[in-house]
C-alpha atoms as a PDB file:
ATOM      1  CA  MET A   1      54.445   2.498 -38.070  1.00  0.00           C
ATOM      2  CA  ALA A   2      50.793   2.160 -37.264  1.00  0.00           C
ATOM      3  CA  SER A   3      48.693   5.362 -36.978  1.00  0.00           C
ATOM      4  CA  ASP A   4      47.370   6.340 -33.596  1.00  0.00           C
ATOM      5  CA  ALA A   5      44.407   8.383 -35.219  1.00  0.00           C
ATOM      6  CA  ALA A   6      41.926   5.980 -33.954  1.00  0.00           C
ATOM      7  CA  ASP A   7      43.379   5.261 -30.491  1.00  0.00           C
ATOM      8  CA  PRO A   8      41.046   6.867 -27.783  1.00  0.00           C
ATOM      9  CA  ALA A   9      43.860   6.794 -25.226  1.00  0.00           C
ATOM     10  CA  THR A  10      46.021   9.001 -27.373  1.00  0.00           C
ATOM     11  CA  HIS A  11      43.373  11.614 -27.719  1.00  0.00           C
ATOM     12  CA  ARG A  12      41.755  11.465 -24.224  1.00  0.00           C
ATOM     13  CA  ASP A  13      42.804  15.057 -23.359  1.00  0.00           C
ATOM     14  CA  LEU A  14      41.365  16.366 -26.530  1.00  0.00           C
ATOM     15  CA  ALA A  15      38.075  14.547 -25.933  1.00  0.00           C
ATOM     16  CA  ARG A  16      38.045  15.964 -22.336  1.00  0.00           C
ATOM     17  CA  ARG A  17      38.634  19.617 -23.700  1.00  0.00           C
ATOM     18  CA  LEU A  18      35.794  19.150 -26.162  1.00  0.00           C
ATOM     19  CA  GLY A  19      33.454  18.362 -23.216  1.00  0.00           C
ATOM     20  CA  GLY A  20      30.953  16.410 -25.405  1.00  0.00           C
ATOM     21  CA  LEU A  21      30.624  19.082 -28.101  1.00  0.00           C
ATOM     22  CA  ASN A  22      29.439  17.575 -31.307  1.00  0.00           C
ATOM     23  CA  ILE A  23      31.783  17.790 -34.357  1.00  0.00           C
ATOM     24  CA  TYR A  24      29.882  18.490 -37.681  1.00  0.00           C
ATOM     25  CA  LEU A  25      31.843  17.715 -40.800  1.00  0.00           C
ATOM     26  CA  VAL A  26      30.675  19.800 -43.776  1.00  0.00           C
ATOM     27  CA  GLY A  27      31.826  19.856 -47.459  1.00  0.00           C
ATOM     28  CA  MET A  28      30.828  18.976 -50.841  1.00  0.00           C
ATOM     29  CA  MET A  29      29.652  15.517 -51.871  1.00  0.00           C
ATOM     30  CA  GLY A  30      32.793  13.456 -52.413  1.00  0.00           C
ATOM     31  CA  ALA A  31      34.787  15.349 -49.807  1.00  0.00           C
ATOM     32  CA  GLY A  32      35.041  11.997 -47.642  1.00  0.00           C
ATOM     33  CA  LYS A  33      32.950  13.288 -44.678  1.00  0.00           C
ATOM     34  CA  SER A  34      31.790   9.742 -43.738  1.00  0.00           C
ATOM     35  CA  ALA A  35      35.128   8.083 -44.576  1.00  0.00           C
ATOM     36  CA  VAL A  36      37.028  10.510 -42.336  1.00  0.00           C
ATOM     37  CA  GLY A  37      34.216  10.752 -39.653  1.00  0.00           C
ATOM     38  CA  ARG A  38      34.632   7.124 -38.647  1.00  0.00           C
ATOM     39  CA  PRO A  39      38.202   7.176 -37.576  1.00  0.00           C
ATOM     40  CA  LEU A  40      37.798  10.618 -36.112  1.00  0.00           C
ATOM     41  CA  ALA A  41      34.880   9.433 -33.878  1.00  0.00           C
ATOM     42  CA  ALA A  42      36.925   6.375 -32.796  1.00  0.00           C
ATOM     43  CA  ALA A  43      39.875   8.451 -31.849  1.00  0.00           C
ATOM     44  CA  LEU A  44      37.775  10.685 -29.520  1.00  0.00           C
ATOM     45  CA  GLY A  45      35.601   7.872 -28.107  1.00  0.00           C
ATOM     46  CA  TYR A  46      32.741   9.521 -29.858  1.00  0.00           C
ATOM     47  CA  ARG A  47      29.777   7.968 -31.947  1.00  0.00           C
ATOM     48  CA  PHE A  48      29.889   8.589 -35.666  1.00  0.00           C
ATOM     49  CA  VAL A  49      26.547   9.503 -37.395  1.00  0.00           C
ATOM     50  CA  ASP A  50      25.896   9.853 -41.135  1.00  0.00           C
ATOM     51  CA  ALA A  51      23.087  12.444 -41.208  1.00  0.00           C
ATOM     52  CA  ASP A  52      21.847  11.395 -44.620  1.00  0.00           C
ATOM     53  CA  ARG A  53      21.402   7.805 -43.307  1.00  0.00           C
ATOM     54  CA  GLU A  54      19.690   9.013 -40.275  1.00  0.00           C
ATOM     55  CA  LEU A  55      17.289  11.043 -42.448  1.00  0.00           C
ATOM     56  CA  GLU A  56      16.621   7.953 -44.589  1.00  0.00           C
ATOM     57  CA  THR A  57      15.878   5.903 -41.513  1.00  0.00           C
ATOM     58  CA  ALA A  58      13.544   8.456 -40.136  1.00  0.00           C
ATOM     59  CA  THR A  59      11.519   8.868 -43.380  1.00  0.00           C
ATOM     60  CA  ARG A  60      11.856   5.349 -44.610  1.00  0.00           C
ATOM     61  CA  CYS A  61      12.814   6.627 -48.066  1.00  0.00           C
ATOM     62  CA  SER A  62      15.949   7.108 -50.009  1.00  0.00           C
ATOM     63  CA  ILE A  63      17.286  10.601 -50.641  1.00  0.00           C
ATOM     64  CA  ALA A  64      16.707  10.114 -54.305  1.00  0.00           C
ATOM     65  CA  GLU A  65      13.044   9.111 -53.610  1.00  0.00           C
ATOM     66  CA  ILE A  66      12.662  12.261 -51.381  1.00  0.00           C
ATOM     67  CA  PHE A  67      13.984  14.511 -54.091  1.00  0.00           C
ATOM     68  CA  ALA A  68      11.656  12.797 -56.588  1.00  0.00           C
ATOM     69  CA  SER A  69       8.535  13.355 -54.436  1.00  0.00           C
ATOM     70  CA  GLU A  70       9.264  16.381 -52.401  1.00  0.00           C
ATOM     71  CA  GLY A  71      11.843  18.218 -54.447  1.00  0.00           C
ATOM     72  CA  GLU A  72      14.917  19.911 -52.858  1.00  0.00           C
ATOM     73  CA  GLU A  73      12.966  22.184 -50.559  1.00  0.00           C
ATOM     74  CA  GLY A  74      11.142  19.189 -49.096  1.00  0.00           C
ATOM     75  CA  PHE A  75      14.341  17.283 -48.644  1.00  0.00           C
ATOM     76  CA  ARG A  76      16.058  20.404 -46.974  1.00  0.00           C
ATOM     77  CA  ALA A  77      13.104  20.433 -44.462  1.00  0.00           C
ATOM     78  CA  PHE A  78      13.698  16.895 -43.560  1.00  0.00           C
ATOM     79  CA  GLU A  79      17.475  17.489 -43.334  1.00  0.00           C
ATOM     80  CA  THR A  80      16.840  20.437 -40.862  1.00  0.00           C
ATOM     81  CA  ALA A  81      14.560  18.232 -38.614  1.00  0.00           C
ATOM     82  CA  THR A  82      17.270  15.512 -38.556  1.00  0.00           C
ATOM     83  CA  LEU A  83      19.946  17.959 -37.571  1.00  0.00           C
ATOM     84  CA  ASN A  84      17.803  19.325 -34.837  1.00  0.00           C
ATOM     85  CA  ALA A  85      17.354  15.995 -33.342  1.00  0.00           C
ATOM     86  CA  LEU A  86      21.114  15.262 -33.583  1.00  0.00           C
ATOM     87  CA  ALA A  87      21.979  18.676 -31.888  1.00  0.00           C
ATOM     88  CA  GLU A  88      20.061  17.526 -28.888  1.00  0.00           C
ATOM     89  CA  GLN A  89      22.626  14.765 -28.393  1.00  0.00           C
ATOM     90  CA  HIS A  90      26.362  15.010 -27.466  1.00  0.00           C
ATOM     91  CA  SER A  91      29.695  13.428 -28.166  1.00  0.00           C
ATOM     92  CA  LEU A  92      28.908  12.788 -31.819  1.00  0.00           C
ATOM     93  CA  VAL A  93      30.923  13.220 -35.093  1.00  0.00           C
ATOM     94  CA  VAL A  94      28.298  14.080 -37.618  1.00  0.00           C
ATOM     95  CA  ALA A  95      28.829  13.697 -41.494  1.00  0.00           C
ATOM     96  CA  THR A  96      26.414  16.146 -42.935  1.00  0.00           C
ATOM     97  CA  GLY A  97      24.996  16.483 -46.378  1.00  0.00           C
ATOM     98  CA  GLY A  98      26.794  18.808 -48.864  1.00  0.00           C
ATOM     99  CA  GLY A  99      23.998  21.435 -48.842  1.00  0.00           C
ATOM    100  CA  VAL A 100      23.354  21.444 -45.250  1.00  0.00           C
ATOM    101  CA  VAL A 101      25.173  24.930 -45.230  1.00  0.00           C
ATOM    102  CA  THR A 102      22.565  26.584 -47.289  1.00  0.00           C
ATOM    103  CA  ARG A 103      20.065  26.947 -44.624  1.00  0.00           C
ATOM    104  CA  PRO A 104      20.877  29.497 -41.802  1.00  0.00           C
ATOM    105  CA  GLU A 105      18.863  27.381 -39.222  1.00  0.00           C
ATOM    106  CA  ASN A 106      21.196  24.516 -39.809  1.00  0.00           C
ATOM    107  CA  TRP A 107      24.088  26.833 -38.680  1.00  0.00           C
ATOM    108  CA  GLY A 108      22.271  27.531 -35.608  1.00  0.00           C
ATOM    109  CA  HIS A 109      22.344  23.811 -34.688  1.00  0.00           C
ATOM    110  CA  MET A 110      25.832  23.175 -35.939  1.00  0.00           C
ATOM    111  CA  GLN A 111      27.374  26.066 -34.168  1.00  0.00           C
ATOM    112  CA  GLN A 112      26.489  24.651 -30.867  1.00  0.00           C
ATOM    113  CA  GLY A 113      29.423  22.376 -31.529  1.00  0.00           C
ATOM    114  CA  VAL A 114      32.551  22.573 -33.788  1.00  0.00           C
ATOM    115  CA  VAL A 115      32.057  22.824 -37.554  1.00  0.00           C
ATOM    116  CA  VAL A 116      34.868  21.430 -39.570  1.00  0.00           C
ATOM    117  CA  TRP A 117      35.094  21.921 -43.439  1.00  0.00           C
ATOM    118  CA  LEU A 118      36.759  19.150 -45.378  1.00  0.00           C
ATOM    119  CA  ASP A 119      37.999  21.066 -48.336  1.00  0.00           C
ATOM    120  CA  ALA A 120      38.980  18.989 -51.373  1.00  0.00           C
ATOM    121  CA  PRO A 121      40.011  20.263 -54.838  1.00  0.00           C
ATOM    122  CA  GLU A 122      37.303  20.152 -57.581  1.00  0.00           C
ATOM    123  CA  GLU A 123      39.261  17.582 -59.605  1.00  0.00           C
ATOM    124  CA  GLU A 124      39.596  15.237 -56.500  1.00  0.00           C
ATOM    125  CA  LEU A 125      35.827  15.598 -55.911  1.00  0.00           C
ATOM    126  CA  LEU A 126      35.181  14.651 -59.584  1.00  0.00           C
ATOM    127  CA  ARG A 127      37.552  11.755 -59.414  1.00  0.00           C
ATOM    128  CA  ARG A 128      35.894  10.290 -56.331  1.00  0.00           C
ATOM    129  CA  LEU A 129      32.265  10.931 -57.577  1.00  0.00           C
ATOM    130  CA  SER A 130      33.014   9.290 -60.883  1.00  0.00           C
ATOM    131  CA  THR A 131      33.584   5.970 -59.097  1.00  0.00           C
ATOM    132  CA  ASP A 132      30.924   6.286 -56.408  1.00  0.00           C
ATOM    133  CA  PRO A 133      27.657   4.353 -57.225  1.00  0.00           C
ATOM    134  CA  THR A 134      25.584   6.532 -54.731  1.00  0.00           C
ATOM    135  CA  PRO A 135      22.813   8.385 -56.436  1.00  0.00           C
ATOM    136  CA  ARG A 136      23.295  12.149 -56.507  1.00  0.00           C
ATOM    137  CA  PRO A 137      20.083  13.994 -57.464  1.00  0.00           C
ATOM    138  CA  LEU A 138      21.856  17.314 -57.627  1.00  0.00           C
ATOM    139  CA  LEU A 139      24.395  16.011 -60.188  1.00  0.00           C
ATOM    140  CA  GLU A 140      21.721  14.562 -62.528  1.00  0.00           C
ATOM    141  CA  ALA A 141      22.537  17.092 -65.329  1.00  0.00           C
ATOM    142  CA  PRO A 142      23.683  16.917 -68.898  1.00  0.00           C
ATOM    143  CA  ASP A 143      27.168  18.022 -67.729  1.00  0.00           C
ATOM    144  CA  PRO A 144      27.751  16.936 -64.096  1.00  0.00           C
ATOM    145  CA  ALA A 145      31.195  18.526 -63.967  1.00  0.00           C
ATOM    146  CA  ALA A 146      29.711  22.002 -64.757  1.00  0.00           C
ATOM    147  CA  ARG A 147      26.958  21.348 -62.194  1.00  0.00           C
ATOM    148  CA  LEU A 148      29.535  20.341 -59.584  1.00  0.00           C
ATOM    149  CA  ALA A 149      31.584  23.543 -60.284  1.00  0.00           C
ATOM    150  CA  ALA A 150      28.471  25.810 -60.009  1.00  0.00           C
ATOM    151  CA  LEU A 151      27.508  24.279 -56.771  1.00  0.00           C
ATOM    152  CA  LEU A 152      30.935  24.502 -55.408  1.00  0.00           C
ATOM    153  CA  ALA A 153      31.225  28.085 -56.408  1.00  0.00           C
ATOM    154  CA  MET A 154      27.973  28.922 -54.551  1.00  0.00           C
ATOM    155  CA  ARG A 155      28.703  26.949 -51.380  1.00  0.00           C
ATOM    156  CA  ARG A 156      32.503  27.790 -50.850  1.00  0.00           C
ATOM    157  CA  PRO A 157      31.612  31.085 -48.934  1.00  0.00           C
ATOM    158  CA  LEU A 158      29.193  29.206 -46.797  1.00  0.00           C
ATOM    159  CA  TYR A 159      31.666  26.369 -46.045  1.00  0.00           C
ATOM    160  CA  GLY A 160      34.072  29.043 -45.202  1.00  0.00           C
ATOM    161  CA  GLN A 161      32.030  29.942 -42.083  1.00  0.00           C
ATOM    162  CA  ALA A 162      33.160  26.687 -40.474  1.00  0.00           C
ATOM    163  CA  ASP A 163      35.276  26.963 -37.257  1.00  0.00           C
ATOM    164  CA  LEU A 164      38.056  24.903 -38.850  1.00  0.00           C
ATOM    165  CA  THR A 165      39.109  24.223 -42.530  1.00  0.00           C
ATOM    166  CA  VAL A 166      41.135  21.125 -43.298  1.00  0.00           C
ATOM    167  CA  GLU A 167      42.477  20.939 -46.819  1.00  0.00           C
ATOM    168  CA  GLN A 168      43.044  17.497 -48.273  1.00  0.00           C
ATOM    169  CA  ARG A 169      44.789  16.267 -51.487  1.00  0.00           C
ATOM    170  CA  GLY A 170      43.543  12.688 -51.711  1.00  0.00           C
ATOM    171  CA  GLY A 171      45.128  11.357 -48.460  1.00  0.00           C
ATOM    172  CA  LEU A 172      43.777   8.347 -46.632  1.00  0.00           C
ATOM    173  CA  PRO A 173      40.766   8.891 -44.423  1.00  0.00           C
ATOM    174  CA  GLU A 174      42.888   8.099 -41.263  1.00  0.00           C
ATOM    175  CA  ALA A 175      45.427  10.792 -42.371  1.00  0.00           C
ATOM    176  CA  VAL A 176      42.752  13.306 -42.789  1.00  0.00           C
ATOM    177  CA  ALA A 177      41.206  12.467 -39.484  1.00  0.00           C
ATOM    178  CA  ARG A 178      44.689  13.042 -37.994  1.00  0.00           C
ATOM    179  CA  GLN A 179      44.851  16.460 -39.545  1.00  0.00           C
ATOM    180  CA  VAL A 180      41.455  17.323 -37.969  1.00  0.00           C
ATOM    181  CA  LEU A 181      42.736  15.986 -34.556  1.00  0.00           C
ATOM    182  CA  ASP A 182      45.910  18.015 -34.798  1.00  0.00           C
ATOM    183  CA  ALA A 183      43.995  21.161 -35.750  1.00  0.00           C
ATOM    184  CA  LEU A 184      41.110  21.082 -33.260  1.00  0.00           C
ATOM    185  CA  PRO A 185      43.047  22.379 -30.256  1.00  0.00           C
ATOM    186  CA  SER A 186      43.536  25.663 -32.209  1.00  0.00           C
ATOM    187  CA  VAL A 187      39.717  26.293 -32.163  1.00  0.00           C
ATOM    188  CA  LEU A 188      39.007  25.240 -28.508  1.00  0.00           C
ATOM    189  CA  LYS A 189      39.283  27.534 -25.622  1.00  0.00           C
ATOM    190  CA  PRO A 190      42.588  26.940 -23.625  1.00  0.00           C
ATOM    191  CA  PRO A 191      42.124  24.835 -20.475  1.00  0.00           C
ATOM    192  CA  ARG A 192      41.330  26.932 -17.468  1.00  0.00           C
ATOM    193  CA  GLN A 193      44.249  27.462 -15.169  1.00  0.00           C
ATOM    194  CA  ALA A 194      43.609  26.256 -11.543  1.00  0.00           C
ATOM    195  CA  VAL A 195      43.528  29.234  -8.996  1.00  0.00           C
ATOM    196  CA  ALA A 196      46.246  28.859  -6.449  1.00  0.00           C
ATOM    197  CA  ALA A 197      44.999  28.088  -2.943  1.00  0.00           C
ATOM    198  CA  PRO A 198      45.212  31.173  -0.595  1.00  0.00           C
ATOM    199  CA  THR A 199      47.848  31.322   2.026  1.00  0.00           C
ATOM    200  CA  TRP A 200      47.009  32.540   5.520  1.00  0.00           C
ATOM    201  CA  LEU A 201      49.708  34.895   7.070  1.00  0.00           C
ATOM    202  CA  GLU A 202      49.760  36.158  10.710  1.00  0.00           C
ATOM    203  CA  ASP A 203      51.024  39.703  11.174  1.00  0.00           C
ATOM    204  CA  THR A 204      52.728  41.281  14.180  1.00  0.00           C
ATOM    205  CA  ASP A 205      49.414  42.064  15.805  1.00  0.00           C
ATOM    206  CA  GLY A 206      48.297  38.402  15.609  1.00  0.00           C
ATOM    207  CA  GLN A 207      45.801  39.184  12.870  1.00  0.00           C
ATOM    208  CA  ARG A 208      45.497  36.618  10.070  1.00  0.00           C
ATOM    209  CA  ARG A 209      45.250  37.911   6.488  1.00  0.00           C
ATOM    210  CA  GLN A 210      44.903  36.083   3.192  1.00  0.00           C
ATOM    211  CA  THR A 211      47.467  36.122   0.404  1.00  0.00           C
ATOM    212  CA  ILE A 212      47.997  34.273  -2.941  1.00  0.00           C
ATOM    213  CA  ASP A 213      51.521  33.186  -3.969  1.00  0.00           C
END
């Protein structure tokens, strides 16, 4: 049976309830933010944006080059500027960088929308990263596994500030997108109930008065 995770018609009501609020996917490198973000955006009729790719386009440098020339602090400043520009737009699903949660000002931008933490077990992150050719400056260490564990221990409390946590165990991106879609209503305000139209009654003196059924 085909999944309806990427069918905009199926999720039209959810998109309407979101009202154009951006969705920011946070989580460690290897959590699948870009892979999940694409079907999630398609399902909602949103536009998908990879914040790291936006940063590279704006600076005309790769992330590895920025780390080499500006260090992590320089990279974080560019990251915040990129997030600021994205926050001025609407109807986006944004895959953020793994360390975006370390700067309080970034939360100021992301909390204008809905923040979703894609939480994956450490062993799953390691498995994915071991087959990913993307350069990871923060994992360039004698023991990448130990470095990942240290980063994860530091960032977990920060990721935990997200509006929604979706735990994954190696499922396909479309299945994880479905998890996000199913869970989103729980963090949105319930739809406003329409106020009943007033009814006008006429009393024995011929005076009209208003009532609501």
